[in-house]
Each structure stands twice: as C-alpha cells, then as structure tokens.
C-alpha cells in the first residue's frame, strides 16, 4: 500500500492553522522565557557577590585585574559576575617543605618516606666527602601581595633557595 501523504485516519492536516496556533502561543512563551532568564541572572548575581574568608586567611581582591583591597577573615561582599576576583592566602598557618624525605603519615608515630629523594639530600662537603642531610624549612606568608604576584612559582622558588643555601653551607664545611 502506497502512502499518499494524508494521515492514516483520513483527517486533513491544515498547516496554516497549525502555524497560526503556534504564533498565537509564542508571545506567552516569550514572556515566560524572559522571566526565567531574568531569575537566572538575578540568582547568578546574588551568589557571585559574596565570599567568606576563613580565620587563618586573608582575601586579596582584584577589580578588573588590578589590586583593590585586602579583606580580613569573615563574610564580605564584592562586585558580581567576575568584575572582582578574590584570592585567599593562608597567612596565619606555618607552611613547611621537607628535603631528603617526605612525611607519609603524620601522628604519634609519624612515618616517613625516604626513597626517591636522594638527589636533594646527598651533598659534597668541603673536604670532598659525601653527606646525606635531611632538613625542614618552615615559613609563614607575611605579605600576600608579593606571594601572589611577584614570584612565578613560590613553592619551587623556596625549594630552590633552601637547597642552594644548605648546599653552600655543606660545601664550605669539612665532614667533621
């Protein structure tokens, strides 16, 4: 049986009538769609206009990429939708970096991992002996602006400087 383009029940489809029905309902749809978009933008603005700084942190606020202010711990407000961006820096916490080992599990019986870190702990002394030194560097961030924007990779820089200083001290001293 060949299909002749008419519906199976014999009714005739009036395309012009269907198009008119859609056009009549479209203004109602446009209005509700506009309300949904406005509610979405209002919620996005509301949720992007506040931030919380924890007790051990300070917040550095940039407005359009330029430094605006530093905010203390607590609830604060900012310009929404990405006009202001907040970077949180832990200034009250003592940071540490370990050389020659890494802490695997901290606690009453701390466990350390020593394998794979020999390249940073083996050093040549002033009398040409080889020593294996393990040390820890502890530091606290005093000013968050230079920490964030003056040095490219702060953690790597601290590691490199610490290793250079200890190697220089070990290189200038005899083994004894």
N, C-alpha and C. Protein backbone atom coordinates (compact mmCIF):
# COMPACT_ATOMS: atom_id res chain seq x y z
N UNK A 1 0.85 -1.17 0.00
CA UNK A 1 0.00 0.00 0.00
C UNK A 1 0.90 1.23 0.00
N UNK A 2 0.69 2.14 -0.87
CA UNK A 2 1.49 3.35 -1.03
C UNK A 2 0.92 4.45 -0.16
N UNK A 3 1.82 5.29 0.33
CA UNK A 3 1.38 6.39 1.18
C UNK A 3 1.16 7.61 0.31
N UNK A 4 0.02 8.23 0.45
CA UNK A 4 -0.32 9.37 -0.40
C UNK A 4 -0.14 10.71 0.31
N UNK A 5 0.42 10.73 1.53
CA UNK A 5 0.69 11.97 2.23
C UNK A 5 -0.42 12.38 3.18
N UNK A 6 -1.54 11.66 3.21
CA UNK A 6 -2.63 12.01 4.12
C UNK A 6 -2.51 11.20 5.40
N UNK A 7 -3.03 11.71 6.51
CA UNK A 7 -2.96 10.97 7.77
C UNK A 7 -3.70 9.64 7.68
N UNK A 8 -3.35 8.66 8.50
CA UNK A 8 -3.94 7.32 8.41
C UNK A 8 -5.44 7.31 8.71
N UNK A 9 -5.92 8.26 9.55
CA UNK A 9 -7.35 8.22 9.88
C UNK A 9 -8.20 9.02 8.90
N UNK A 10 -7.59 9.60 7.88
CA UNK A 10 -8.35 10.29 6.84
C UNK A 10 -8.52 11.77 7.08
N UNK A 11 -8.11 12.30 8.27
CA UNK A 11 -8.22 13.73 8.53
C UNK A 11 -7.22 14.50 7.68
N UNK A 12 -7.54 15.72 7.35
CA UNK A 12 -6.65 16.57 6.57
C UNK A 12 -5.94 17.51 7.54
N UNK A 13 -4.62 17.60 7.40
CA UNK A 13 -3.83 18.47 8.27
C UNK A 13 -3.78 19.85 7.63
N UNK A 14 -4.18 20.85 8.41
CA UNK A 14 -4.14 22.22 7.93
C UNK A 14 -2.90 22.89 8.52
N UNK A 15 -1.86 23.02 7.71
CA UNK A 15 -0.59 23.56 8.16
C UNK A 15 -0.72 25.02 8.51
N UNK A 16 -1.53 25.76 7.77
CA UNK A 16 -1.69 27.18 8.06
C UNK A 16 -2.35 27.39 9.43
N UNK A 17 -3.29 26.52 9.77
CA UNK A 17 -3.96 26.61 11.06
C UNK A 17 -2.98 26.29 12.20
N UNK A 18 -2.12 25.30 11.98
CA UNK A 18 -1.12 24.96 12.99
C UNK A 18 -0.13 26.10 13.19
N UNK A 19 0.30 26.73 12.10
CA UNK A 19 1.24 27.85 12.19
C UNK A 19 0.60 29.02 12.94
N UNK A 20 -0.70 29.27 12.70
CA UNK A 20 -1.39 30.35 13.39
C UNK A 20 -1.49 30.07 14.89
N UNK A 21 -1.77 28.81 15.26
CA UNK A 21 -1.82 28.43 16.68
C UNK A 21 -0.47 28.65 17.37
N UNK A 22 0.61 28.31 16.68
CA UNK A 22 1.95 28.49 17.25
C UNK A 22 2.25 29.97 17.42
N UNK A 23 1.88 30.80 16.42
CA UNK A 23 2.11 32.23 16.50
C UNK A 23 1.32 32.85 17.64
N UNK A 24 0.11 32.37 17.90
CA UNK A 24 -0.70 32.90 18.98
C UNK A 24 -0.11 32.56 20.35
N UNK A 25 0.50 31.39 20.49
CA UNK A 25 1.07 30.96 21.77
C UNK A 25 2.49 31.50 22.00
N UNK A 26 3.15 31.95 20.94
CA UNK A 26 4.54 32.40 21.04
C UNK A 26 4.72 33.60 21.97
N UNK A 27 3.89 34.64 21.96
CA UNK A 27 4.10 35.75 22.90
C UNK A 27 4.04 35.29 24.36
N UNK A 28 3.20 34.33 24.70
CA UNK A 28 3.15 33.81 26.07
C UNK A 28 4.46 33.10 26.40
N UNK A 29 4.98 32.36 25.46
CA UNK A 29 6.23 31.64 25.66
C UNK A 29 7.39 32.62 25.81
N UNK A 30 7.41 33.68 24.99
CA UNK A 30 8.48 34.68 25.08
C UNK A 30 8.50 35.32 26.45
N UNK A 31 7.35 35.65 27.00
CA UNK A 31 7.26 36.28 28.32
C UNK A 31 7.77 35.38 29.42
N UNK A 32 7.38 34.12 29.42
CA UNK A 32 7.83 33.20 30.46
C UNK A 32 9.32 32.89 30.32
N UNK A 33 9.82 32.83 29.10
CA UNK A 33 11.23 32.59 28.85
C UNK A 33 12.06 33.76 29.37
N UNK A 34 11.56 34.97 29.16
CA UNK A 34 12.25 36.16 29.63
C UNK A 34 12.30 36.18 31.16
N UNK A 35 11.25 35.78 31.82
CA UNK A 35 11.21 35.72 33.28
C UNK A 35 12.22 34.70 33.79
N UNK A 36 12.30 33.56 33.16
CA UNK A 36 13.26 32.52 33.57
C UNK A 36 14.69 33.05 33.43
N UNK A 37 15.00 33.73 32.35
CA UNK A 37 16.34 34.27 32.14
C UNK A 37 16.65 35.34 33.19
N UNK A 38 15.69 36.22 33.48
CA UNK A 38 15.91 37.25 34.48
C UNK A 38 16.11 36.67 35.88
N UNK A 39 15.36 35.65 36.23
CA UNK A 39 15.53 34.99 37.53
C UNK A 39 16.91 34.32 37.61
N UNK A 40 17.32 33.68 36.51
CA UNK A 40 18.63 33.04 36.47
C UNK A 40 19.75 34.07 36.64
N UNK A 41 19.66 35.21 35.95
CA UNK A 41 20.68 36.26 36.08
C UNK A 41 20.68 36.86 37.49
N UNK A 42 19.50 37.03 38.08
CA UNK A 42 19.44 37.56 39.45
C UNK A 42 20.10 36.60 40.44
N UNK A 43 19.86 35.30 40.29
CA UNK A 43 20.47 34.30 41.18
C UNK A 43 21.99 34.26 40.98
N UNK A 44 22.43 34.33 39.73
CA UNK A 44 23.85 34.32 39.44
C UNK A 44 24.53 35.55 40.05
N UNK A 45 23.90 36.70 39.94
CA UNK A 45 24.44 37.92 40.53
C UNK A 45 24.49 37.82 42.05
N UNK A 46 23.44 37.30 42.64
CA UNK A 46 23.38 37.17 44.09
C UNK A 46 24.46 36.24 44.62
N UNK A 47 24.61 35.07 44.00
CA UNK A 47 25.57 34.08 44.50
C UNK A 47 27.01 34.44 44.19
N UNK A 48 27.26 35.32 43.24
CA UNK A 48 28.64 35.71 42.94
C UNK A 48 29.01 37.04 43.57
N UNK A 49 28.21 37.55 44.51
CA UNK A 49 28.50 38.84 45.09
C UNK A 49 28.99 38.77 46.54
N UNK A 50 29.22 37.58 47.08
CA UNK A 50 29.76 37.48 48.43
C UNK A 50 30.80 36.38 48.49
N UNK A 51 31.64 36.46 49.52
CA UNK A 51 32.67 35.44 49.74
C UNK A 51 33.00 35.40 51.22
N UNK A 52 33.56 34.28 51.65
CA UNK A 52 33.93 34.08 53.04
C UNK A 52 35.43 33.84 53.14
N UNK A 53 36.08 34.54 54.05
CA UNK A 53 37.50 34.35 54.31
C UNK A 53 37.61 33.64 55.65
N UNK A 54 38.32 32.51 55.67
CA UNK A 54 38.49 31.71 56.88
C UNK A 54 39.40 32.42 57.88
N UNK A 55 39.39 32.00 59.17
CA UNK A 55 40.17 32.69 60.20
C UNK A 55 41.68 32.72 59.95
N UNK A 56 42.25 31.74 59.28
CA UNK A 56 43.69 31.74 59.07
C UNK A 56 44.09 32.35 57.72
N UNK A 57 43.14 32.98 57.02
CA UNK A 57 43.39 33.51 55.69
C UNK A 57 43.17 35.02 55.64
N UNK A 58 43.65 35.61 54.56
CA UNK A 58 43.24 36.96 54.15
C UNK A 58 42.80 36.86 52.69
N UNK A 59 41.91 37.72 52.30
CA UNK A 59 41.44 37.73 50.92
C UNK A 59 42.03 38.91 50.17
N UNK A 60 42.62 38.64 49.02
CA UNK A 60 43.15 39.70 48.17
C UNK A 60 42.16 39.87 47.02
N UNK A 61 41.58 41.07 46.91
CA UNK A 61 40.53 41.34 45.93
C UNK A 61 41.11 42.11 44.76
N UNK A 62 40.89 41.59 43.56
CA UNK A 62 41.28 42.28 42.33
C UNK A 62 40.02 42.76 41.62
N UNK A 63 40.00 44.02 41.25
CA UNK A 63 38.88 44.55 40.48
C UNK A 63 39.37 44.75 39.05
N UNK A 64 38.78 43.99 38.14
CA UNK A 64 39.16 44.02 36.73
C UNK A 64 40.66 43.79 36.54
N UNK A 65 41.24 42.92 37.36
CA UNK A 65 42.63 42.52 37.24
C UNK A 65 43.62 43.38 38.00
N UNK A 66 43.16 44.46 38.63
CA UNK A 66 44.05 45.32 39.40
C UNK A 66 43.74 45.18 40.89
N UNK A 67 44.80 45.29 41.72
CA UNK A 67 44.62 45.16 43.16
C UNK A 67 43.64 46.21 43.66
N UNK A 68 42.66 45.78 44.46
CA UNK A 68 41.66 46.68 45.01
C UNK A 68 41.80 46.81 46.52
N UNK A 69 41.82 45.66 47.23
CA UNK A 69 41.88 45.70 48.68
C UNK A 69 42.25 44.32 49.23
N UNK A 70 42.61 44.32 50.51
CA UNK A 70 42.84 43.08 51.24
C UNK A 70 41.77 42.99 52.31
N UNK A 71 41.10 41.85 52.38
CA UNK A 71 39.99 41.71 53.34
C UNK A 71 40.36 40.72 54.44
N UNK A 72 40.02 41.05 55.68
CA UNK A 72 40.31 40.17 56.82
C UNK A 72 39.31 39.00 56.87
N UNK A 73 39.48 38.08 57.80
CA UNK A 73 38.54 36.95 57.92
C UNK A 73 37.10 37.42 58.15
N UNK A 74 36.16 36.66 57.59
CA UNK A 74 34.74 36.96 57.77
C UNK A 74 34.00 36.93 56.44
N UNK A 75 32.73 37.36 56.49
CA UNK A 75 31.87 37.43 55.32
C UNK A 75 32.02 38.80 54.68
N UNK A 76 32.24 38.82 53.37
CA UNK A 76 32.45 40.08 52.65
C UNK A 76 31.65 40.07 51.35
N UNK A 77 31.46 41.26 50.81
CA UNK A 77 30.75 41.40 49.54
C UNK A 77 31.69 41.96 48.48
N UNK A 78 31.42 41.61 47.24
CA UNK A 78 32.23 42.07 46.11
C UNK A 78 31.32 42.33 44.92
N UNK A 79 31.88 42.96 43.92
CA UNK A 79 31.12 43.18 42.70
C UNK A 79 30.91 41.84 42.00
N UNK A 80 29.71 41.56 41.52
CA UNK A 80 29.40 40.24 40.98
C UNK A 80 29.85 40.05 39.53
N UNK A 81 29.63 38.84 39.04
CA UNK A 81 29.80 38.45 37.64
C UNK A 81 31.24 38.63 37.15
N UNK A 82 32.20 38.35 38.02
CA UNK A 82 33.60 38.35 37.60
C UNK A 82 34.25 39.72 37.55
N UNK A 83 33.56 40.77 37.96
CA UNK A 83 34.20 42.09 37.97
C UNK A 83 35.27 42.17 39.05
N UNK A 84 35.06 41.46 40.16
CA UNK A 84 36.06 41.35 41.21
C UNK A 84 36.35 39.87 41.46
N UNK A 85 37.62 39.55 41.62
CA UNK A 85 38.05 38.18 41.88
C UNK A 85 38.80 38.16 43.21
N UNK A 86 38.58 37.11 44.00
CA UNK A 86 39.19 37.01 45.33
C UNK A 86 40.17 35.84 45.35
N UNK A 87 41.39 36.12 45.82
CA UNK A 87 42.39 35.08 46.06
C UNK A 87 42.56 34.98 47.57
N UNK A 88 42.44 33.77 48.11
CA UNK A 88 42.58 33.56 49.55
C UNK A 88 43.97 32.99 49.83
N UNK A 89 44.68 33.64 50.76
CA UNK A 89 46.05 33.24 51.11
C UNK A 89 46.10 32.93 52.60
N UNK A 90 46.65 31.78 52.94
CA UNK A 90 46.76 31.35 54.34
C UNK A 90 47.97 32.03 54.97
N UNK A 91 47.75 33.14 55.66
CA UNK A 91 48.85 33.91 56.25
C UNK A 91 49.12 33.55 57.71
N UNK A 92 48.21 32.89 58.37
CA UNK A 92 48.39 32.54 59.79
C UNK A 92 48.97 31.13 59.96
N UNK A 93 49.01 30.34 58.93
CA UNK A 93 49.48 28.96 59.01
C UNK A 93 50.98 28.89 58.72
N UNK A 94 51.67 28.06 59.47
CA UNK A 94 53.09 27.82 59.22
C UNK A 94 53.18 26.74 58.14
N UNK A 95 53.77 27.10 57.02
CA UNK A 95 53.96 26.17 55.90
C UNK A 95 55.29 25.45 56.11
N UNK A 96 55.46 24.28 55.50
CA UNK A 96 56.74 23.59 55.62
C UNK A 96 57.05 22.86 54.33
N UNK A 97 58.36 22.71 54.10
CA UNK A 97 58.86 21.91 52.99
C UNK A 97 59.94 20.99 53.53
N UNK A 98 59.88 19.74 53.11
CA UNK A 98 60.82 18.72 53.60
C UNK A 98 61.81 18.38 52.51
N UNK A 99 63.07 18.17 52.90
CA UNK A 99 64.13 17.84 51.97
C UNK A 99 64.78 16.54 52.40
N UNK A 100 64.94 15.61 51.47
CA UNK A 100 65.56 14.32 51.76
C UNK A 100 64.57 13.27 52.23
N UNK A 101 63.36 13.65 52.50
CA UNK A 101 62.32 12.72 52.95
C UNK A 101 60.97 13.41 52.77
N UNK A 102 59.90 12.67 52.91
CA UNK A 102 58.54 13.21 52.92
C UNK A 102 57.76 12.51 54.03
N UNK A 103 56.88 13.22 54.68
CA UNK A 103 56.04 12.64 55.71
C UNK A 103 54.93 11.86 55.03
N UNK A 104 54.89 10.57 55.29
CA UNK A 104 53.84 9.72 54.72
C UNK A 104 52.58 9.78 55.57
N UNK A 105 52.73 9.55 56.89
CA UNK A 105 51.61 9.60 57.83
C UNK A 105 52.06 10.39 59.05
N UNK A 106 51.39 11.50 59.33
CA UNK A 106 51.72 12.30 60.50
C UNK A 106 50.88 11.84 61.68
N UNK A 107 51.46 11.89 62.85
CA UNK A 107 50.73 11.47 64.05
C UNK A 107 51.69 11.18 65.18
N UNK A 108 51.24 10.35 66.12
CA UNK A 108 52.08 10.00 67.27
C UNK A 108 53.31 9.21 66.79
N UNK A 109 53.07 8.24 65.92
CA UNK A 109 54.17 7.50 65.29
C UNK A 109 54.22 7.91 63.82
N UNK A 110 54.91 8.98 63.56
CA UNK A 110 55.00 9.53 62.21
C UNK A 110 55.80 8.59 61.32
N UNK A 111 55.33 8.39 60.12
CA UNK A 111 56.02 7.55 59.14
C UNK A 111 56.57 8.43 58.03
N UNK A 112 57.82 8.15 57.62
CA UNK A 112 58.49 8.94 56.60
C UNK A 112 58.82 8.08 55.39
N UNK A 113 58.88 8.70 54.25
CA UNK A 113 59.30 8.04 53.01
C UNK A 113 60.63 8.67 52.60
N UNK A 114 61.67 7.83 52.44
CA UNK A 114 63.00 8.34 52.10
C UNK A 114 63.42 7.99 50.68
N UNK A 115 62.80 7.01 50.07
CA UNK A 115 63.22 6.58 48.74
C UNK A 115 62.82 7.59 47.67
N UNK A 116 63.75 7.84 46.77
CA UNK A 116 63.47 8.73 45.66
C UNK A 116 63.83 10.18 45.92
N UNK A 117 64.33 10.49 47.10
CA UNK A 117 64.67 11.88 47.44
C UNK A 117 66.16 12.05 47.70
N UNK A 118 66.96 11.11 47.24
CA UNK A 118 68.40 11.16 47.48
C UNK A 118 69.06 12.32 46.73
N UNK A 119 68.51 12.69 45.58
CA UNK A 119 69.14 13.75 44.78
C UNK A 119 69.11 15.10 45.49
N UNK A 120 68.19 15.31 46.41
CA UNK A 120 68.16 16.58 47.13
C UNK A 120 68.86 16.51 48.49
N UNK A 121 69.19 15.32 48.97
CA UNK A 121 69.80 15.22 50.30
C UNK A 121 71.29 14.85 50.25
N UNK A 122 71.80 14.28 49.18
CA UNK A 122 73.22 13.94 49.09
C UNK A 122 74.01 15.17 48.67
N UNK A 123 75.08 15.48 49.45
CA UNK A 123 75.87 16.69 49.19
C UNK A 123 77.34 16.40 49.35
N UNK A 124 78.13 17.21 48.70
CA UNK A 124 79.58 17.11 48.77
C UNK A 124 80.09 18.15 49.75
N UNK A 125 80.89 17.72 50.73
CA UNK A 125 81.40 18.65 51.74
C UNK A 125 82.68 19.32 51.24
N UNK A 126 83.21 20.23 52.08
CA UNK A 126 84.43 20.96 51.72
C UNK A 126 85.65 20.07 51.61
N UNK A 127 85.70 18.94 52.35
CA UNK A 127 86.84 18.02 52.26
C UNK A 127 86.54 16.85 51.32
N UNK A 128 85.59 17.04 50.41
CA UNK A 128 85.23 16.10 49.34
C UNK A 128 84.65 14.78 49.85
N UNK A 129 83.95 14.81 50.95
CA UNK A 129 83.19 13.66 51.42
C UNK A 129 81.72 13.88 51.05
N UNK A 130 80.97 12.78 50.97
CA UNK A 130 79.55 12.87 50.65
C UNK A 130 78.76 12.69 51.94
N UNK A 131 77.83 13.60 52.19
CA UNK A 131 76.97 13.51 53.36
C UNK A 131 75.52 13.45 52.90
N UNK A 132 74.69 12.87 53.75
CA UNK A 132 73.25 12.77 53.49
C UNK A 132 72.54 13.64 54.52
N UNK A 133 72.04 14.79 54.11
CA UNK A 133 71.40 15.74 55.02
C UNK A 133 69.90 15.77 54.77
N UNK A 134 69.15 15.70 55.85
CA UNK A 134 67.70 15.88 55.79
C UNK A 134 67.37 17.14 56.58
N UNK A 135 66.47 17.98 56.06
CA UNK A 135 66.09 19.17 56.79
C UNK A 135 64.68 19.60 56.39
N UNK A 136 64.15 20.49 57.22
CA UNK A 136 62.81 21.03 57.01
C UNK A 136 62.91 22.55 57.02
N UNK A 137 62.22 23.18 56.09
CA UNK A 137 62.11 24.64 56.07
C UNK A 137 60.67 24.99 56.43
N UNK A 138 60.52 25.84 57.43
CA UNK A 138 59.19 26.31 57.83
C UNK A 138 59.12 27.81 57.57
N UNK A 139 57.97 28.25 57.06
CA UNK A 139 57.80 29.67 56.76
C UNK A 139 56.33 30.06 56.90
N UNK A 140 56.13 31.33 57.05
CA UNK A 140 54.79 31.89 57.12
C UNK A 140 54.72 33.05 56.14
N UNK A 141 53.61 33.19 55.46
CA UNK A 141 53.44 34.25 54.47
C UNK A 141 53.11 35.54 55.21
N UNK A 142 53.98 36.53 55.07
CA UNK A 142 53.81 37.80 55.77
C UNK A 142 52.93 38.76 54.97
N UNK A 143 53.23 38.90 53.69
CA UNK A 143 52.51 39.82 52.83
C UNK A 143 51.95 39.04 51.64
N UNK A 144 50.63 38.97 51.48
CA UNK A 144 50.07 38.15 50.41
C UNK A 144 50.27 38.70 49.00
N UNK A 145 50.47 40.00 48.85
CA UNK A 145 50.62 40.56 47.50
C UNK A 145 51.88 40.06 46.80
N UNK A 146 53.08 40.18 47.40
CA UNK A 146 54.25 39.62 46.72
C UNK A 146 54.16 38.10 46.55
N UNK A 147 53.56 37.43 47.53
CA UNK A 147 53.40 35.97 47.43
C UNK A 147 52.59 35.61 46.19
N UNK A 148 51.53 36.35 45.91
CA UNK A 148 50.67 36.03 44.77
C UNK A 148 51.21 36.53 43.44
N UNK A 149 51.80 37.73 43.42
CA UNK A 149 52.02 38.38 42.13
C UNK A 149 53.46 38.72 41.79
N UNK A 150 54.41 38.56 42.71
CA UNK A 150 55.80 38.95 42.41
C UNK A 150 56.68 37.78 42.01
N UNK A 151 56.31 36.56 42.40
CA UNK A 151 57.12 35.37 42.11
C UNK A 151 56.25 34.38 41.35
N UNK A 152 56.79 33.80 40.28
CA UNK A 152 56.01 32.91 39.43
C UNK A 152 55.56 31.65 40.16
N UNK A 153 56.49 30.87 40.69
CA UNK A 153 56.18 29.62 41.38
C UNK A 153 56.82 29.69 42.76
N UNK A 154 56.08 30.13 43.75
CA UNK A 154 56.62 30.39 45.08
C UNK A 154 57.16 29.13 45.72
N UNK A 155 56.41 28.05 45.68
CA UNK A 155 56.85 26.79 46.31
C UNK A 155 58.17 26.31 45.72
N UNK A 156 58.28 26.34 44.41
CA UNK A 156 59.51 25.89 43.74
C UNK A 156 60.67 26.83 44.07
N UNK A 157 60.40 28.13 44.13
CA UNK A 157 61.43 29.10 44.46
C UNK A 157 61.96 28.89 45.87
N UNK A 158 61.09 28.65 46.82
CA UNK A 158 61.52 28.39 48.20
C UNK A 158 62.35 27.12 48.26
N UNK A 159 61.94 26.08 47.52
CA UNK A 159 62.71 24.84 47.49
C UNK A 159 64.10 25.08 46.92
N UNK A 160 64.18 25.79 45.81
CA UNK A 160 65.48 26.02 45.16
C UNK A 160 66.41 26.85 46.04
N UNK A 161 65.87 27.91 46.66
CA UNK A 161 66.71 28.76 47.51
C UNK A 161 67.20 27.98 48.74
N UNK A 162 66.30 27.22 49.35
CA UNK A 162 66.67 26.44 50.55
C UNK A 162 67.75 25.42 50.21
N UNK A 163 67.57 24.74 49.11
CA UNK A 163 68.56 23.73 48.71
C UNK A 163 69.90 24.39 48.39
N UNK A 164 69.89 25.52 47.73
CA UNK A 164 71.14 26.21 47.40
C UNK A 164 71.87 26.66 48.66
N UNK A 165 71.15 27.19 49.65
CA UNK A 165 71.78 27.65 50.88
C UNK A 165 72.39 26.49 51.65
N UNK A 166 71.66 25.39 51.81
CA UNK A 166 72.18 24.25 52.56
C UNK A 166 73.36 23.62 51.82
N UNK A 167 73.31 23.55 50.49
CA UNK A 167 74.45 23.01 49.74
C UNK A 167 75.68 23.90 49.89
N UNK A 168 75.47 25.19 49.93
CA UNK A 168 76.60 26.09 50.12
C UNK A 168 77.22 25.92 51.51
N UNK A 169 76.38 25.82 52.53
CA UNK A 169 76.88 25.61 53.89
C UNK A 169 77.63 24.28 53.98
N UNK A 170 77.04 23.21 53.43
CA UNK A 170 77.68 21.88 53.47
C UNK A 170 78.97 21.88 52.65
N UNK A 171 78.99 22.60 51.56
CA UNK A 171 80.19 22.65 50.72
C UNK A 171 81.33 23.41 51.33
N UNK A 172 81.04 24.32 52.23
CA UNK A 172 82.09 25.11 52.88
C UNK A 172 82.59 24.50 54.18
N UNK A 173 81.97 23.42 54.62
CA UNK A 173 82.35 22.80 55.89
C UNK A 173 83.03 21.46 55.65
N UNK A 174 83.96 21.08 56.55
CA UNK A 174 84.53 19.72 56.46
C UNK A 174 83.52 18.71 57.00
N UNK A 175 83.75 17.45 56.74
CA UNK A 175 82.83 16.37 57.13
C UNK A 175 82.63 16.33 58.64
N UNK A 176 83.67 16.60 59.40
CA UNK A 176 83.58 16.53 60.86
C UNK A 176 82.63 17.59 61.37
